[in-house]
Protein backbone atom coordinates (compact mmCIF):
# COMPACT_ATOMS: atom_id res chain seq x y z
CA UNK A 1 22.23 -59.16 37.14
CA UNK A 2 21.41 -58.61 33.44
CA UNK A 3 18.05 -57.01 34.21
CA UNK A 4 19.24 -54.78 37.03
CA UNK A 5 22.36 -53.50 35.27
CA UNK A 6 22.59 -53.18 31.51
CA UNK A 7 26.36 -53.27 31.58
CA UNK A 8 26.07 -56.96 32.45
CA UNK A 9 24.20 -57.73 29.21
CA UNK A 10 27.09 -59.87 27.98
CA UNK A 11 26.10 -62.48 30.58
CA UNK A 12 22.94 -63.06 28.56
CA UNK A 13 25.09 -64.12 25.63
CA UNK A 14 27.65 -65.96 27.77
CA UNK A 15 25.63 -68.03 30.25
CA UNK A 16 27.23 -69.69 33.24
CA UNK A 17 28.60 -73.15 32.51
CA UNK A 18 27.86 -75.93 34.97
CA UNK A 19 30.60 -78.58 35.17
CA UNK A 20 30.81 -81.54 37.48
CA UNK A 21 33.99 -80.96 39.43
CA UNK A 22 36.02 -84.15 39.55
CA UNK A 23 39.45 -82.64 39.32
CA UNK A 24 39.21 -82.31 35.50
CA UNK A 25 37.44 -78.92 35.23
CA UNK A 26 39.72 -77.62 32.48
CA UNK A 27 39.12 -80.73 30.37
CA UNK A 28 35.34 -80.60 30.85
CA UNK A 29 35.22 -76.86 30.09
CA UNK A 30 37.18 -77.38 26.87
CA UNK A 31 34.76 -80.12 25.85
CA UNK A 32 31.76 -77.85 26.40
CA UNK A 33 33.33 -74.94 24.50
CA UNK A 34 34.21 -77.26 21.62
CA UNK A 35 30.69 -78.63 21.41
CA UNK A 36 28.99 -75.22 21.59
CA UNK A 37 29.44 -71.99 19.66
CA UNK A 38 29.86 -69.00 21.98
CA UNK A 39 30.33 -65.44 20.68
CA UNK A 40 33.72 -63.81 21.12
CA UNK A 41 34.29 -60.28 22.39
CA UNK A 42 37.17 -57.99 23.22
CA UNK A 43 37.12 -55.09 25.67
CA UNK A 44 36.05 -52.56 23.02
CA UNK A 45 33.25 -54.65 21.51
CA UNK A 46 31.95 -55.57 24.96
CA UNK A 47 31.99 -51.93 26.07
CA UNK A 48 29.99 -50.92 22.98
CA UNK A 49 27.48 -53.71 23.58
CA UNK A 50 27.15 -52.66 27.23
CA UNK A 51 26.57 -49.06 26.16
CA UNK A 52 23.71 -50.20 23.92
CA UNK A 53 22.11 -52.11 26.79
CA UNK A 54 22.50 -49.17 29.19
CA UNK A 55 20.85 -46.93 26.57
CA UNK A 56 17.71 -49.08 26.85
CA UNK A 57 18.75 -51.06 23.76
CA UNK A 58 18.15 -48.04 21.52
CA UNK A 59 19.24 -49.68 18.28
CA UNK A 60 21.19 -47.92 15.54
CA UNK A 61 18.97 -47.19 12.55
CA UNK A 62 20.31 -48.00 9.10
CA UNK A 63 17.07 -48.11 7.10
CA UNK A 64 15.49 -44.85 5.96
CA UNK A 65 11.70 -45.17 6.19
CA UNK A 66 9.50 -44.44 3.18
CA UNK A 67 8.09 -40.91 3.15
CA UNK A 68 4.91 -41.91 1.32
CA UNK A 69 3.10 -44.91 -0.16
CA UNK A 70 4.93 -44.63 -3.48
CA UNK A 71 8.34 -44.93 -1.89
CA UNK A 72 10.09 -47.95 -0.44
CA UNK A 73 12.26 -48.00 2.64
CA UNK A 74 15.97 -47.62 1.88
CA UNK A 75 18.35 -50.04 3.59
CA UNK A 76 21.87 -48.57 3.72
CA UNK A 77 24.44 -51.32 3.41
CA UNK A 78 27.34 -50.89 5.83
CA UNK A 79 30.65 -52.70 5.31
CA UNK A 80 32.67 -53.29 8.49
CA UNK A 81 36.37 -54.10 8.13
CA UNK A 82 38.47 -55.38 11.03
CA UNK A 83 41.24 -57.87 11.68
CA UNK A 84 39.27 -59.11 14.73
CA UNK A 85 35.89 -59.30 13.03
CA UNK A 86 34.80 -62.39 14.95
CA UNK A 87 35.04 -60.33 18.14
CA UNK A 88 32.82 -57.58 16.69
CA UNK A 89 30.18 -59.37 14.63
CA UNK A 90 27.89 -60.33 17.52
CA UNK A 91 28.02 -56.80 18.94
CA UNK A 92 27.13 -55.23 15.59
CA UNK A 93 24.25 -57.64 15.02
CA UNK A 94 22.85 -56.81 18.45
CA UNK A 95 23.13 -53.01 18.38
CA UNK A 96 21.78 -52.40 14.85
CA UNK A 97 18.09 -52.73 14.04
CA UNK A 98 17.13 -56.26 13.02
CA UNK A 99 16.73 -55.77 9.25
CA UNK A 100 20.04 -53.92 8.82
CA UNK A 101 22.17 -54.84 5.80
CA UNK A 102 25.57 -55.41 7.41
CA UNK A 103 28.62 -56.92 5.70
CA UNK A 104 31.49 -58.16 7.85
CA UNK A 105 34.79 -58.13 5.98
CA UNK A 106 37.62 -59.72 7.89
CA UNK A 107 41.15 -58.55 7.22
CA UNK A 108 43.08 -61.84 7.22
CA UNK A 109 46.45 -60.51 8.27
CA UNK A 110 48.03 -63.91 8.88
CA UNK A 111 47.23 -65.38 5.47
CA UNK A 112 49.90 -63.95 3.18
CA UNK A 113 52.49 -61.15 3.22
CA UNK A 114 52.51 -61.17 7.01
CA UNK A 115 53.42 -57.75 8.36
CA UNK A 116 52.54 -55.93 5.12
CA UNK A 117 49.23 -54.37 4.12
CA UNK A 118 47.48 -55.91 1.13
CA UNK A 119 43.91 -55.39 -0.08
CA UNK A 120 43.77 -59.02 -1.23
CA UNK A 121 43.58 -60.03 2.44
CA UNK A 122 39.92 -58.93 2.30
CA UNK A 123 37.76 -61.26 0.22
CA UNK A 124 35.83 -59.66 -2.66
CA UNK A 125 36.65 -56.16 -1.41
CA UNK A 126 35.85 -54.26 -4.63
CA UNK A 127 32.32 -55.60 -5.04
CA UNK A 128 31.47 -55.10 -1.37
CA UNK A 129 32.66 -51.48 -1.41
CA UNK A 130 30.78 -50.58 -4.60
CA UNK A 131 27.56 -51.98 -3.14
CA UNK A 132 27.92 -50.26 0.25
CA UNK A 133 26.59 -46.91 1.43
CA UNK A 134 29.17 -46.65 4.22
CA UNK A 135 32.51 -48.21 5.18
CA UNK A 136 33.61 -48.51 8.83
CA UNK A 137 37.20 -49.71 9.14
CA UNK A 138 39.72 -50.34 11.88
CA UNK A 139 42.85 -48.17 11.68
CA UNK A 140 45.27 -50.90 12.82
CA UNK A 141 44.60 -53.87 10.55
CA UNK A 142 48.12 -55.18 10.24
CA UNK A 143 49.89 -53.66 13.23
CA UNK A 144 49.48 -53.94 16.96
CA UNK A 145 47.44 -51.12 18.48
CA UNK A 146 49.60 -48.18 19.49
CA UNK A 147 47.18 -46.06 21.46
CA UNK A 148 49.88 -44.78 23.81
CA UNK A 149 52.39 -43.68 21.17
CA UNK A 150 52.49 -40.38 19.32
CA UNK A 151 53.06 -40.56 15.55
CA UNK A 152 53.83 -38.02 12.85
CA UNK A 153 51.69 -37.57 9.73
CA UNK A 154 54.23 -39.57 7.76
CA UNK A 155 54.01 -42.46 10.21
CA UNK A 156 50.20 -42.32 10.19
CA UNK A 157 50.15 -42.45 6.38
CA UNK A 158 51.95 -45.81 6.50
CA UNK A 159 49.41 -47.46 8.80
CA UNK A 160 47.36 -50.25 7.23
CA UNK A 161 43.98 -48.59 7.90
CA UNK A 162 45.04 -45.48 6.01
CA UNK A 163 46.45 -47.57 3.17
CA UNK A 164 43.07 -49.31 2.95
CA UNK A 165 41.40 -45.90 2.88
CA UNK A 166 43.56 -44.86 -0.08
CA UNK A 167 42.87 -48.18 -1.80
CA UNK A 168 39.15 -47.45 -1.60
CA UNK A 169 39.08 -43.68 -2.15
CA UNK A 170 42.07 -43.43 -4.50
CA UNK A 171 44.98 -41.02 -4.79
CA UNK A 172 46.17 -38.54 -7.39
CA UNK A 173 47.58 -41.40 -9.47
CA UNK A 174 44.96 -44.02 -8.67
CA UNK A 175 41.18 -43.83 -9.07
CA UNK A 176 40.59 -46.24 -6.19
CA UNK A 177 37.56 -48.49 -5.83
CA UNK A 178 34.98 -45.74 -5.26
CA UNK A 179 35.60 -42.12 -4.26
CA UNK A 180 31.93 -41.56 -3.44
CA UNK A 181 31.65 -44.05 -0.59
CA UNK A 182 31.66 -42.40 2.89
CA UNK A 183 34.43 -43.76 5.11
CA UNK A 184 34.58 -43.82 8.93
CA UNK A 185 37.75 -44.78 10.78
CA UNK A 186 37.14 -46.89 13.90
CA UNK A 187 40.25 -46.86 16.07
CA UNK A 188 41.54 -47.09 19.63
CA UNK A 189 43.49 -43.84 19.13
CA UNK A 190 41.90 -40.79 20.71
CA UNK A 191 44.47 -38.13 19.80
CA UNK A 192 42.98 -35.08 18.12
CA UNK A 193 46.12 -34.63 15.99
CA UNK A 194 45.38 -37.98 14.38
CA UNK A 195 41.84 -36.94 13.53
CA UNK A 196 43.14 -33.72 11.97
CA UNK A 197 45.36 -35.84 9.75
CA UNK A 198 42.48 -38.14 8.77
CA UNK A 199 40.06 -35.26 8.26
CA UNK A 200 42.52 -33.40 6.03
CA UNK A 201 42.82 -36.51 3.86
CA UNK A 202 39.08 -36.92 3.38
CA UNK A 203 38.03 -39.43 6.04
CA UNK A 204 34.40 -38.57 6.78
CA UNK A 205 34.43 -39.25 10.50
CA UNK A 206 36.25 -40.99 13.32
CA UNK A 207 35.00 -43.32 16.06
CA UNK A 208 37.02 -44.26 19.13
CA UNK A 209 37.14 -47.83 20.46
CA UNK A 210 36.98 -47.79 24.22
CA UNK A 211 39.37 -50.62 25.10
CA UNK A 212 39.43 -50.04 28.88
CA UNK A 213 38.44 -53.05 30.97
CA UNK A 214 37.39 -50.73 33.80
CA UNK A 215 35.24 -48.25 31.82
CA UNK A 216 32.32 -47.03 33.93
CA UNK A 217 28.68 -47.53 32.99
CA UNK A 218 28.38 -43.81 32.21
CA UNK A 219 31.43 -43.90 29.93
CA UNK A 220 30.07 -46.93 28.09
CA UNK A 221 26.73 -45.20 27.64
CA UNK A 222 28.32 -42.04 26.22
CA UNK A 223 30.60 -44.03 23.92
CA UNK A 224 27.63 -45.88 22.45
CA UNK A 225 25.63 -42.68 22.07
CA UNK A 226 28.48 -41.10 20.07
CA UNK A 227 28.81 -44.23 17.91
CA UNK A 228 25.08 -44.26 17.13
CA UNK A 229 24.91 -40.57 16.22
CA UNK A 230 27.88 -40.74 13.85
CA UNK A 231 26.61 -43.84 12.02
CA UNK A 232 23.08 -42.48 11.60
CA UNK A 233 24.43 -39.36 9.92
CA UNK A 234 25.16 -41.66 6.98
CA UNK A 235 22.09 -43.89 7.22
CA UNK A 236 18.92 -42.08 8.28
CA UNK A 237 19.66 -38.40 8.95
CA UNK A 238 18.94 -35.78 6.26
CA UNK A 239 22.55 -35.96 5.15
CA UNK A 240 22.27 -39.71 4.45
CA UNK A 241 20.29 -39.18 1.25
CA UNK A 242 22.77 -36.52 0.15
CA UNK A 243 25.65 -38.93 0.57
CA UNK A 244 23.71 -41.59 -1.36
CA UNK A 245 22.97 -39.15 -4.19
CA UNK A 246 26.58 -38.03 -4.40
CA UNK A 247 27.70 -41.65 -4.61
CA UNK A 248 25.46 -42.11 -7.66
CA UNK A 249 26.64 -38.82 -9.17
CA UNK A 250 30.27 -39.91 -8.95
CA UNK A 251 29.43 -43.11 -10.80
CA UNK A 252 27.69 -41.09 -13.52
CA UNK A 253 30.62 -38.69 -13.86
CA UNK A 254 32.96 -41.64 -14.31
CA UNK A 255 30.60 -43.14 -16.88
CA UNK A 256 30.47 -39.87 -18.84
CA UNK A 257 34.26 -39.68 -18.78
CA UNK A 258 34.67 -43.31 -19.90
CA UNK A 259 32.06 -43.32 -22.66
CA UNK A 260 33.27 -40.00 -24.03
CA UNK A 261 36.55 -41.76 -24.83
CA UNK A 262 34.86 -44.59 -26.71
CA UNK A 263 33.19 -44.81 -30.10
CA UNK A 264 29.88 -44.14 -28.39
CA UNK A 265 30.43 -40.38 -28.31
CA UNK A 266 28.31 -37.88 -26.43
CA UNK A 267 26.51 -35.12 -28.30
CA UNK A 268 28.71 -32.44 -26.73
CA UNK A 269 32.12 -33.95 -27.49
CA UNK A 270 34.10 -33.34 -30.66
CA UNK A 271 37.29 -35.20 -31.49
CA UNK A 272 38.65 -32.09 -33.19
CA UNK A 273 41.02 -29.60 -31.62
CA UNK A 274 39.82 -26.60 -33.62
CA UNK A 275 38.16 -23.71 -31.85
CA UNK A 276 35.78 -23.47 -34.83
CA UNK A 277 34.56 -27.00 -34.35
CA UNK A 278 31.27 -28.59 -35.34
CA UNK A 279 28.04 -26.70 -34.72
CA UNK A 280 24.97 -28.36 -33.24
CA UNK A 281 21.90 -27.28 -35.22
CA UNK A 282 18.22 -28.10 -34.95
CA UNK A 283 16.35 -29.61 -37.86
CA UNK A 284 15.01 -26.13 -38.61
CA UNK A 285 18.55 -24.88 -39.09
CA UNK A 286 18.81 -22.87 -35.88
CA UNK A 287 22.26 -22.89 -34.33
CA UNK A 288 22.19 -24.11 -30.73
CA UNK A 289 25.81 -24.44 -29.70
CA UNK A 290 29.20 -25.81 -30.66
CA UNK A 291 30.65 -29.11 -29.55
CA UNK A 292 33.48 -28.96 -27.04
CA UNK A 293 36.96 -29.50 -28.43
CA UNK A 294 39.14 -32.45 -27.55
CA UNK A 295 41.13 -30.11 -25.30
CA UNK A 296 37.98 -29.04 -23.43
CA UNK A 297 36.71 -32.54 -22.70
CA UNK A 298 38.87 -33.16 -19.63
CA UNK A 299 38.19 -29.62 -18.41
CA UNK A 300 34.46 -30.40 -18.50
CA UNK A 301 35.02 -33.63 -16.56
CA UNK A 302 37.20 -31.77 -14.06
CA UNK A 303 34.51 -29.12 -13.57
CA UNK A 304 31.99 -31.85 -12.77
CA UNK A 305 34.41 -33.48 -10.33
CA UNK A 306 35.29 -30.16 -8.68
CA UNK A 307 31.61 -29.30 -8.22
CA UNK A 308 31.00 -32.76 -6.78
CA UNK A 309 33.88 -32.28 -4.34
CA UNK A 310 32.53 -28.89 -3.24
CA UNK A 311 29.21 -30.46 -2.21
CA UNK A 312 30.98 -33.42 -0.60
CA UNK A 313 33.26 -31.14 1.41
CA UNK A 314 30.30 -29.03 2.50
CA UNK A 315 28.47 -32.11 3.79
CA UNK A 316 31.48 -33.08 5.87
CA UNK A 317 31.86 -29.66 7.49
CA UNK A 318 30.33 -28.61 10.76
CA UNK A 319 27.93 -25.69 10.39
CA UNK A 320 28.17 -24.29 13.93
CA UNK A 321 31.07 -21.98 13.15
CA UNK A 322 29.28 -20.52 10.14
CA UNK A 323 26.13 -19.99 12.19
CA UNK A 324 27.97 -18.37 15.09
CA UNK A 325 29.60 -15.75 12.88
CA UNK A 326 26.34 -15.07 11.05
CA UNK A 327 27.30 -16.77 7.78
CA UNK A 328 24.86 -18.66 5.59
CA UNK A 329 27.75 -20.81 4.48
CA UNK A 330 25.70 -23.68 3.08
CA UNK A 331 23.66 -21.36 0.89
CA UNK A 332 26.81 -19.75 -0.44
CA UNK A 333 28.20 -23.18 -1.33
CA UNK A 334 24.98 -24.09 -3.15
CA UNK A 335 25.08 -20.85 -5.16
CA UNK A 336 28.76 -21.39 -5.97
CA UNK A 337 28.14 -24.94 -7.20
CA UNK A 338 25.28 -23.78 -9.47
CA UNK A 339 27.43 -20.93 -10.76
CA UNK A 340 30.38 -23.24 -11.44
CA UNK A 341 28.28 -25.90 -13.15
CA UNK A 342 26.80 -23.11 -15.27
CA UNK A 343 30.29 -22.53 -16.64
CA UNK A 344 29.71 -25.63 -18.75
CA UNK A 345 27.86 -23.33 -21.13
CA UNK A 346 31.16 -21.55 -21.83
CA UNK A 347 32.62 -24.72 -23.36
CA UNK A 348 29.71 -25.10 -25.78
CA UNK A 349 29.40 -21.44 -26.84
CA UNK A 350 25.79 -21.20 -25.70
CA UNK A 351 24.36 -17.72 -25.40
CA UNK A 352 21.09 -16.14 -24.39
CA UNK A 353 20.37 -15.24 -28.02
CA UNK A 354 20.44 -18.81 -29.22
CA UNK A 355 17.32 -20.93 -29.56
CA UNK A 356 17.00 -23.18 -26.51
CA UNK A 357 14.31 -25.56 -25.39
CA UNK A 358 12.85 -25.66 -21.89
CA UNK A 359 15.56 -28.00 -20.60
CA UNK A 360 18.50 -25.82 -21.52
CA UNK A 361 16.56 -22.67 -20.68
CA UNK A 362 16.14 -24.12 -17.18
CA UNK A 363 19.90 -24.72 -16.95
CA UNK A 364 20.50 -21.11 -17.97
CA UNK A 365 18.04 -19.68 -15.46
CA UNK A 366 19.42 -21.56 -12.44
CA UNK A 367 22.94 -20.59 -13.50
CA UNK A 368 21.86 -16.93 -13.51
CA UNK A 369 20.54 -17.27 -9.97
CA UNK A 370 23.87 -18.58 -8.71
CA UNK A 371 25.97 -16.15 -10.75
CA UNK A 372 24.09 -12.87 -10.86
CA UNK A 373 21.25 -12.47 -8.39
CA UNK A 374 21.98 -10.97 -5.01
CA UNK A 375 19.43 -13.27 -3.35
CA UNK A 376 21.74 -16.26 -3.60
CA UNK A 377 20.64 -17.40 -0.13
CA UNK A 378 17.42 -18.69 -1.65
CA UNK A 379 19.49 -21.52 -3.12
CA UNK A 380 20.07 -24.50 -0.84
CA UNK A 381 22.03 -27.72 -1.07
CA UNK A 382 19.08 -29.58 -2.61
CA UNK A 383 18.95 -26.97 -5.39
CA UNK A 384 22.59 -27.64 -6.19
CA UNK A 385 21.89 -31.40 -6.29
CA UNK A 386 18.88 -30.87 -8.56
CA UNK A 387 20.93 -28.69 -10.90
CA UNK A 388 23.78 -31.22 -10.87
CA UNK A 389 21.41 -34.04 -11.81
CA UNK A 390 19.92 -32.06 -14.71
CA UNK A 391 23.39 -31.33 -16.11
CA UNK A 392 24.45 -34.96 -15.80
CA UNK A 393 21.26 -36.04 -17.57
CA UNK A 394 22.04 -33.63 -20.42
CA UNK A 395 25.67 -34.71 -20.73
CA UNK A 396 24.76 -38.41 -20.68
CA UNK A 397 22.89 -38.14 -23.99
CA UNK A 398 24.51 -39.78 -26.99
CA UNK A 399 24.97 -38.32 -30.45
CA UNK A 400 21.93 -40.19 -31.70
CA UNK A 401 19.75 -38.47 -29.10
CA UNK A 402 20.86 -34.92 -29.80
CA UNK A 403 17.64 -33.99 -31.61
CA UNK A 404 15.72 -34.94 -28.48
CA UNK A 405 17.99 -32.74 -26.38
CA UNK A 406 16.82 -29.72 -28.40
CA UNK A 407 13.26 -30.81 -28.93
CA UNK A 408 11.42 -27.49 -29.15
CA UNK A 409 12.33 -23.90 -29.95
CA UNK A 410 9.72 -22.08 -27.87
CA UNK A 411 11.50 -21.69 -24.58
CA UNK A 412 10.94 -17.94 -24.45
CA UNK A 413 7.19 -18.44 -24.74
CA UNK A 414 7.05 -21.41 -22.39
CA UNK A 415 9.14 -19.89 -19.60
CA UNK A 416 7.91 -16.79 -17.80
CA UNK A 417 11.25 -15.95 -16.25
CA UNK A 418 13.02 -12.87 -17.51
CA UNK A 419 10.81 -9.92 -16.65
CA UNK A 420 11.27 -6.29 -17.61
CA UNK A 421 13.73 -5.76 -14.80
CA UNK A 422 16.87 -7.84 -14.94
CA UNK A 423 19.08 -8.77 -11.97
CA UNK A 424 17.61 -6.17 -9.59
CA UNK A 425 17.10 -6.88 -5.91
CA UNK A 426 13.40 -7.72 -6.00
CA UNK A 427 13.22 -9.58 -9.30
CA UNK A 428 14.17 -12.83 -7.61
CA UNK A 429 11.15 -12.92 -5.32
CA UNK A 430 9.62 -16.35 -5.83
CA UNK A 431 11.69 -16.71 -9.00
CA UNK A 432 13.10 -20.12 -8.11
CA UNK A 433 9.56 -21.35 -7.45
CA UNK A 434 8.45 -20.18 -10.91
CA UNK A 435 11.43 -21.84 -12.55
CA UNK A 436 10.73 -25.19 -10.91
CA UNK A 437 6.98 -25.15 -11.60
CA UNK A 438 7.54 -24.43 -15.28
CA UNK A 439 10.29 -27.00 -15.62
CA UNK A 440 8.17 -29.67 -13.92
CA UNK A 441 5.42 -28.98 -16.46
CA UNK A 442 7.80 -28.95 -19.43
CA UNK A 443 8.61 -31.65 -21.92
CA UNK A 444 11.71 -32.98 -20.22
CA UNK A 445 10.27 -33.98 -16.87
CA UNK A 446 10.70 -37.68 -17.58
CA UNK A 447 14.37 -37.17 -18.44
CA UNK A 448 15.32 -36.17 -14.92
CA UNK A 449 15.94 -38.92 -12.41
CA UNK A 450 16.91 -37.84 -8.92
CA UNK A 451 15.90 -34.25 -9.65
CA UNK A 452 12.24 -35.12 -10.22
CA UNK A 453 11.49 -36.20 -6.67
CA UNK A 454 13.64 -33.50 -5.09
CA UNK A 455 12.03 -30.79 -7.22
CA UNK A 456 8.52 -31.75 -6.07
CA UNK A 457 9.64 -31.45 -2.45
CA UNK A 458 11.35 -28.11 -3.11
CA UNK A 459 8.24 -26.70 -4.84
CA UNK A 460 6.09 -27.66 -1.88
CA UNK A 461 8.60 -26.02 0.49
CA UNK A 462 8.92 -22.85 -1.62
CA UNK A 463 5.16 -22.53 -2.04
CA UNK A 464 4.63 -22.45 1.70
CA UNK A 465 7.58 -20.11 2.21
CA UNK A 466 6.54 -17.71 -0.57
CA UNK A 467 5.12 -14.23 -0.13
CA UNK A 468 1.39 -14.99 -0.34
CA UNK A 469 0.45 -11.45 -1.39
CA UNK A 470 2.88 -11.38 -4.28
CA UNK A 471 1.73 -14.81 -5.41
CA UNK A 472 -2.01 -14.16 -5.31
CA UNK A 473 -2.54 -10.46 -6.07
CA UNK A 474 -2.28 -8.55 -9.33
CA UNK A 475 0.01 -5.53 -8.92
CA UNK A 476 2.01 -3.53 -11.44
CA UNK A 477 5.48 -5.08 -11.36
CA UNK A 478 7.62 -7.52 -13.26
CA UNK A 479 6.77 -11.17 -13.79
CA UNK A 480 8.88 -12.36 -10.90
CA UNK A 481 7.29 -10.60 -7.99
CA UNK A 482 3.64 -10.34 -8.96
CA UNK A 483 1.96 -11.87 -11.98
CA UNK A 484 4.20 -14.89 -12.39
CA UNK A 485 2.09 -17.48 -10.63
CA UNK A 486 -1.13 -15.83 -11.82
CA UNK A 487 -0.02 -16.33 -15.41
CA UNK A 488 1.16 -19.81 -14.68
CA UNK A 489 -2.26 -20.62 -13.32
CA UNK A 490 -4.38 -18.73 -15.84
CA UNK A 491 -2.29 -19.05 -18.97
CA UNK A 492 -3.23 -22.26 -20.70
CA UNK A 493 -0.19 -24.44 -21.25
CA UNK A 494 0.16 -25.25 -24.95
CA UNK A 495 0.85 -28.87 -25.80
CA UNK A 496 3.38 -29.58 -28.51
CA UNK A 497 3.58 -32.56 -30.76
CA UNK A 498 6.80 -33.76 -32.40
CA UNK A 499 8.50 -30.53 -31.37
CA UNK A 500 6.11 -28.31 -33.34
CA UNK A 501 3.69 -25.80 -31.91
CA UNK A 502 0.06 -26.68 -32.54
CA UNK A 503 -2.52 -24.15 -31.41
CA UNK A 504 -5.28 -26.72 -31.92
CA UNK A 505 -4.05 -28.97 -29.15
CA UNK A 506 -5.84 -29.30 -25.83
CA UNK A 507 -4.76 -27.12 -22.95
CA UNK A 508 -3.79 -28.13 -19.43
CA UNK A 509 -3.73 -26.04 -16.30
CA UNK A 510 -1.09 -26.45 -13.62
CA UNK A 511 -3.38 -25.46 -10.75
CA UNK A 512 -6.63 -26.87 -9.43
CA UNK A 513 -9.24 -25.49 -6.99
CA UNK A 514 -7.39 -22.18 -6.81
CA UNK A 515 -8.95 -19.56 -4.55
CA UNK A 516 -7.94 -15.91 -4.90
CA UNK A 517 -6.48 -14.72 -1.63
CA UNK A 518 -6.12 -18.23 -0.28
CA UNK A 519 -3.17 -18.57 2.03
CA UNK A 520 -2.77 -22.35 2.00
CA UNK A 521 -0.50 -23.94 -0.61
CA UNK A 522 -0.25 -27.64 -1.33
CA UNK A 523 0.76 -29.91 -4.18
CA UNK A 524 -2.24 -32.16 -4.71
CA UNK A 525 -1.32 -34.48 -7.58
CA UNK A 526 0.98 -35.35 -10.42
CA UNK A 527 -1.05 -36.45 -13.45
CA UNK A 528 -0.23 -36.88 -17.12
CA UNK A 529 3.27 -35.53 -16.59
CA UNK A 530 1.95 -32.32 -15.03
CA UNK A 531 2.11 -30.90 -11.54
CA UNK A 532 -1.18 -29.72 -10.02
CA UNK A 533 -1.24 -27.40 -7.01
CA UNK A 534 -3.98 -25.83 -4.94
CA UNK A 535 -4.31 -23.16 -2.27
CA UNK A 536 -7.73 -24.35 -1.23
CA UNK A 537 -7.14 -25.93 2.19
């Protein structure tokens, strides 16, 4: 029966019990059940398990495989919360791949405060949530399931599952445990009005428990397929890494906000309220910028949080509508985030005329792409994440490290970015590629964390997408659309020591085995802090 019909898979876990019938069957059965541990199921957990079996036991993936030998696979820890966890645990262990990192958090509703929601009914909740990449929670933790009733938004907001959601994600007056953790609501309710309520409040997705005892094999199969696809969006799909990155970014934003309030001040924060506050100068006396006033500090934190929320909201939005009306919505969001993060310069009184090193010159150039260039569609979500990481890295520096933040004064000579033409239609051709290549070969490569890996991948993508003629042929035009890469390849990159220019230093190229007219682009190695590329296939 198990082999012929997958929906009978539960029989493999619940074998037939053989009792000697002597008129005391109930007694003998109780004895056997007491002596042996048998898994428990309810209709919904059994239906999900059956759906997995019918789908040829196609397990749910929760471990992102390594892309290359240098990387390690990434297990995504998932925290499941339910008041009937014992009836779900066996199902979850069966349907997820074997090495999955699953945490089963039981909501012990009959322990204390019976009838009232309390986060203390979940053991060690805070630590489990902070260590998890995804939370999947029941909606009715305290109450009886009310799948047949219709409730208003006010009534829904009082349900225990939503109160748990607010405990984890926070409210306007409460930071919560962790705003960056994706949250899926797993419920027996299938009313679209309820999902609209949850979606509007920031729940990332919604899974329906099929509680019917008479669900057909086809319905079980489709229910499992939907469950698998939703979970993998947060574990192994391309969006999974974005969610993981944003979780880390939120932690860094909170750290910047917390440390800025302590004695361990950041380089950019001044405790004064004067608009003519302290200048930041290099050791050579060049003015770089001014510190932000005490009134600006929270505005800076809010700008970081708002930019984070824009990316988070974009991840959680379906793209079909944008595509059907011909909108490159995701590109517009990426450009907007870069433009908004670039507004941080306004708080520090930076300007193009000031002396900036390659790091801050990079921040300026990407900001200009998002704010001024018409070709904003060249920016993608990964570009916004790279830019976000670079800003966080800059803002995380302490006062004692400020001299390292402004290490060299030769940005204009190191960066071939602003050509003769400025902000015209064609000046952006391959411009983002040039910016990334130069930044990767600058002095501050080791300071970036998440951005480093993402930038290598973006360079490889942009190289293969680039206009090969403009990249490999000398024509009379500005740096962006013709000679940029030529100069980057031919111009010897000057090494600096202790922030000073030294013409006697050795030179390094950023390209190897370059063939004029070659149409094949590939990153071949990263050596000595430099990126080497070739077009020799």
